[in-house]
């Protein structure tokens, strides 16, 4: 593991850590507003998953 890779990894982690709260803050109201859509998406994904596994 060289220094450049390590620094790149650290800066990437820092960027993700910095962006995450904003993403969450943006997503929460959107998710609350789209509860029926999310339920449908989750159910649809679950059905697909069950078909693929079963």
N, C-alpha and C. Protein backbone atom coordinates (compact mmCIF):
# COMPACT_ATOMS: atom_id res chain seq x y z
N UNK A 1 0.86 -1.19 0.00
CA UNK A 1 0.00 0.00 0.00
C UNK A 1 0.90 1.24 0.00
N UNK A 2 0.92 1.98 -1.09
CA UNK A 2 1.77 3.17 -1.13
C UNK A 2 1.06 4.40 -0.57
N UNK A 3 1.81 5.44 -0.38
CA UNK A 3 1.31 6.65 0.28
C UNK A 3 0.20 7.33 -0.52
N UNK A 4 0.35 7.37 -1.84
CA UNK A 4 -0.65 8.03 -2.68
C UNK A 4 -2.01 7.36 -2.56
N UNK A 5 -2.00 6.03 -2.58
CA UNK A 5 -3.25 5.27 -2.46
C UNK A 5 -3.89 5.53 -1.11
N UNK A 6 -3.05 5.55 -0.08
CA UNK A 6 -3.53 5.79 1.28
C UNK A 6 -4.16 7.17 1.40
N UNK A 7 -3.48 8.18 0.87
CA UNK A 7 -4.00 9.55 0.90
C UNK A 7 -5.30 9.67 0.13
N UNK A 8 -5.35 9.02 -1.03
CA UNK A 8 -6.56 9.05 -1.84
C UNK A 8 -7.72 8.42 -1.09
N UNK A 9 -7.45 7.29 -0.46
CA UNK A 9 -8.46 6.60 0.34
C UNK A 9 -8.97 7.48 1.47
N UNK A 10 -8.05 8.15 2.14
CA UNK A 10 -8.42 9.02 3.27
C UNK A 10 -9.25 10.20 2.81
N UNK A 11 -8.85 10.83 1.70
CA UNK A 11 -9.61 11.99 1.21
C UNK A 11 -10.99 11.55 0.75
N UNK A 12 -11.05 10.37 0.13
CA UNK A 12 -12.35 9.86 -0.32
C UNK A 12 -13.25 9.61 0.87
N UNK A 13 -12.70 9.00 1.93
CA UNK A 13 -13.46 8.74 3.15
C UNK A 13 -13.94 10.03 3.77
N UNK A 14 -13.06 11.03 3.80
CA UNK A 14 -13.41 12.33 4.38
C UNK A 14 -14.52 12.99 3.57
N UNK A 15 -14.44 12.88 2.25
CA UNK A 15 -15.47 13.47 1.39
C UNK A 15 -16.81 12.79 1.63
N UNK A 16 -16.80 11.47 1.70
CA UNK A 16 -18.03 10.71 1.95
C UNK A 16 -18.61 11.10 3.31
N UNK A 17 -17.73 11.18 4.32
CA UNK A 17 -18.16 11.55 5.66
C UNK A 17 -18.76 12.95 5.69
N UNK A 18 -18.21 13.85 4.88
CA UNK A 18 -18.70 15.23 4.84
C UNK A 18 -20.05 15.32 4.10
N UNK A 19 -20.20 14.51 3.05
CA UNK A 19 -21.41 14.58 2.22
C UNK A 19 -22.59 13.85 2.85
N UNK A 20 -22.31 12.73 3.53
CA UNK A 20 -23.36 11.87 4.07
C UNK A 20 -24.46 12.59 4.84
N UNK A 21 -24.12 13.47 5.81
CA UNK A 21 -25.20 14.15 6.56
C UNK A 21 -26.13 14.95 5.65
N UNK A 22 -25.58 15.59 4.62
CA UNK A 22 -26.40 16.37 3.70
C UNK A 22 -27.31 15.46 2.89
N UNK A 23 -26.76 14.33 2.46
CA UNK A 23 -27.56 13.36 1.70
C UNK A 23 -28.71 12.85 2.56
N UNK A 24 -28.40 12.51 3.82
CA UNK A 24 -29.43 12.00 4.73
C UNK A 24 -30.48 13.09 4.97
N UNK A 25 -30.03 14.31 5.23
CA UNK A 25 -30.94 15.42 5.49
C UNK A 25 -31.85 15.67 4.29
N UNK A 26 -31.31 15.48 3.09
CA UNK A 26 -32.10 15.66 1.87
C UNK A 26 -33.06 14.49 1.67
N UNK A 27 -32.60 13.28 1.97
CA UNK A 27 -33.40 12.08 1.71
C UNK A 27 -34.58 11.91 2.66
N UNK A 28 -34.41 12.26 3.93
CA UNK A 28 -35.46 12.01 4.91
C UNK A 28 -36.80 12.62 4.51
N UNK A 29 -36.88 13.94 4.20
CA UNK A 29 -38.19 14.48 3.80
C UNK A 29 -38.72 13.85 2.53
N UNK A 30 -37.81 13.55 1.59
CA UNK A 30 -38.22 12.92 0.34
C UNK A 30 -38.82 11.54 0.62
N UNK A 31 -38.13 10.79 1.48
CA UNK A 31 -38.62 9.46 1.84
C UNK A 31 -39.96 9.54 2.56
N UNK A 32 -40.10 10.52 3.45
CA UNK A 32 -41.37 10.69 4.17
C UNK A 32 -42.49 11.02 3.21
N UNK A 33 -42.18 11.87 2.23
CA UNK A 33 -43.19 12.28 1.25
C UNK A 33 -43.59 11.13 0.34
N UNK A 34 -42.64 10.22 0.10
CA UNK A 34 -42.89 9.15 -0.85
C UNK A 34 -43.07 7.79 -0.18
N UNK A 35 -43.70 7.78 0.99
CA UNK A 35 -43.87 6.52 1.72
C UNK A 35 -44.58 5.46 0.86
N UNK A 36 -45.72 5.78 0.19
CA UNK A 36 -46.37 4.73 -0.63
C UNK A 36 -45.47 4.20 -1.73
N UNK A 37 -44.71 5.11 -2.35
CA UNK A 37 -43.80 4.71 -3.42
C UNK A 37 -42.73 3.77 -2.87
N UNK A 38 -42.19 4.13 -1.70
CA UNK A 38 -41.15 3.31 -1.09
C UNK A 38 -41.67 1.93 -0.74
N UNK A 39 -42.89 1.87 -0.20
CA UNK A 39 -43.48 0.58 0.15
C UNK A 39 -43.61 -0.28 -1.10
N UNK A 40 -44.09 0.33 -2.19
CA UNK A 40 -44.22 -0.40 -3.45
C UNK A 40 -42.87 -0.87 -3.96
N UNK A 41 -41.86 0.01 -3.88
CA UNK A 41 -40.51 -0.35 -4.33
C UNK A 41 -39.95 -1.51 -3.51
N UNK A 42 -40.12 -1.42 -2.19
CA UNK A 42 -39.60 -2.48 -1.31
C UNK A 42 -40.31 -3.79 -1.60
N UNK A 43 -41.64 -3.73 -1.74
CA UNK A 43 -42.40 -4.95 -2.04
C UNK A 43 -41.99 -5.54 -3.38
N UNK A 44 -41.82 -4.68 -4.38
CA UNK A 44 -41.40 -5.13 -5.70
C UNK A 44 -40.03 -5.78 -5.67
N UNK A 45 -39.10 -5.13 -4.95
CA UNK A 45 -37.75 -5.67 -4.83
C UNK A 45 -37.79 -7.01 -4.11
N UNK A 46 -38.61 -7.10 -3.08
CA UNK A 46 -38.73 -8.33 -2.30
C UNK A 46 -39.28 -9.46 -3.17
N UNK A 47 -40.29 -9.14 -3.98
CA UNK A 47 -40.87 -10.14 -4.88
C UNK A 47 -39.82 -10.65 -5.87
N UNK A 48 -39.06 -9.72 -6.46
CA UNK A 48 -38.00 -10.10 -7.40
C UNK A 48 -36.96 -10.97 -6.72
N UNK A 49 -36.58 -10.57 -5.51
CA UNK A 49 -35.58 -11.31 -4.75
C UNK A 49 -36.09 -12.73 -4.45
N UNK A 50 -37.35 -12.83 -4.06
CA UNK A 50 -37.92 -14.13 -3.74
C UNK A 50 -37.97 -15.02 -4.98
N UNK A 51 -38.35 -14.43 -6.12
CA UNK A 51 -38.39 -15.19 -7.37
C UNK A 51 -37.00 -15.71 -7.73
N UNK A 52 -35.99 -14.85 -7.57
CA UNK A 52 -34.63 -15.21 -7.93
C UNK A 52 -34.09 -16.30 -7.01
N UNK A 53 -34.37 -16.18 -5.72
CA UNK A 53 -33.85 -17.14 -4.74
C UNK A 53 -34.67 -18.44 -4.80
N UNK A 54 -36.00 -18.29 -4.79
CA UNK A 54 -36.87 -19.47 -4.79
C UNK A 54 -36.91 -20.08 -6.15
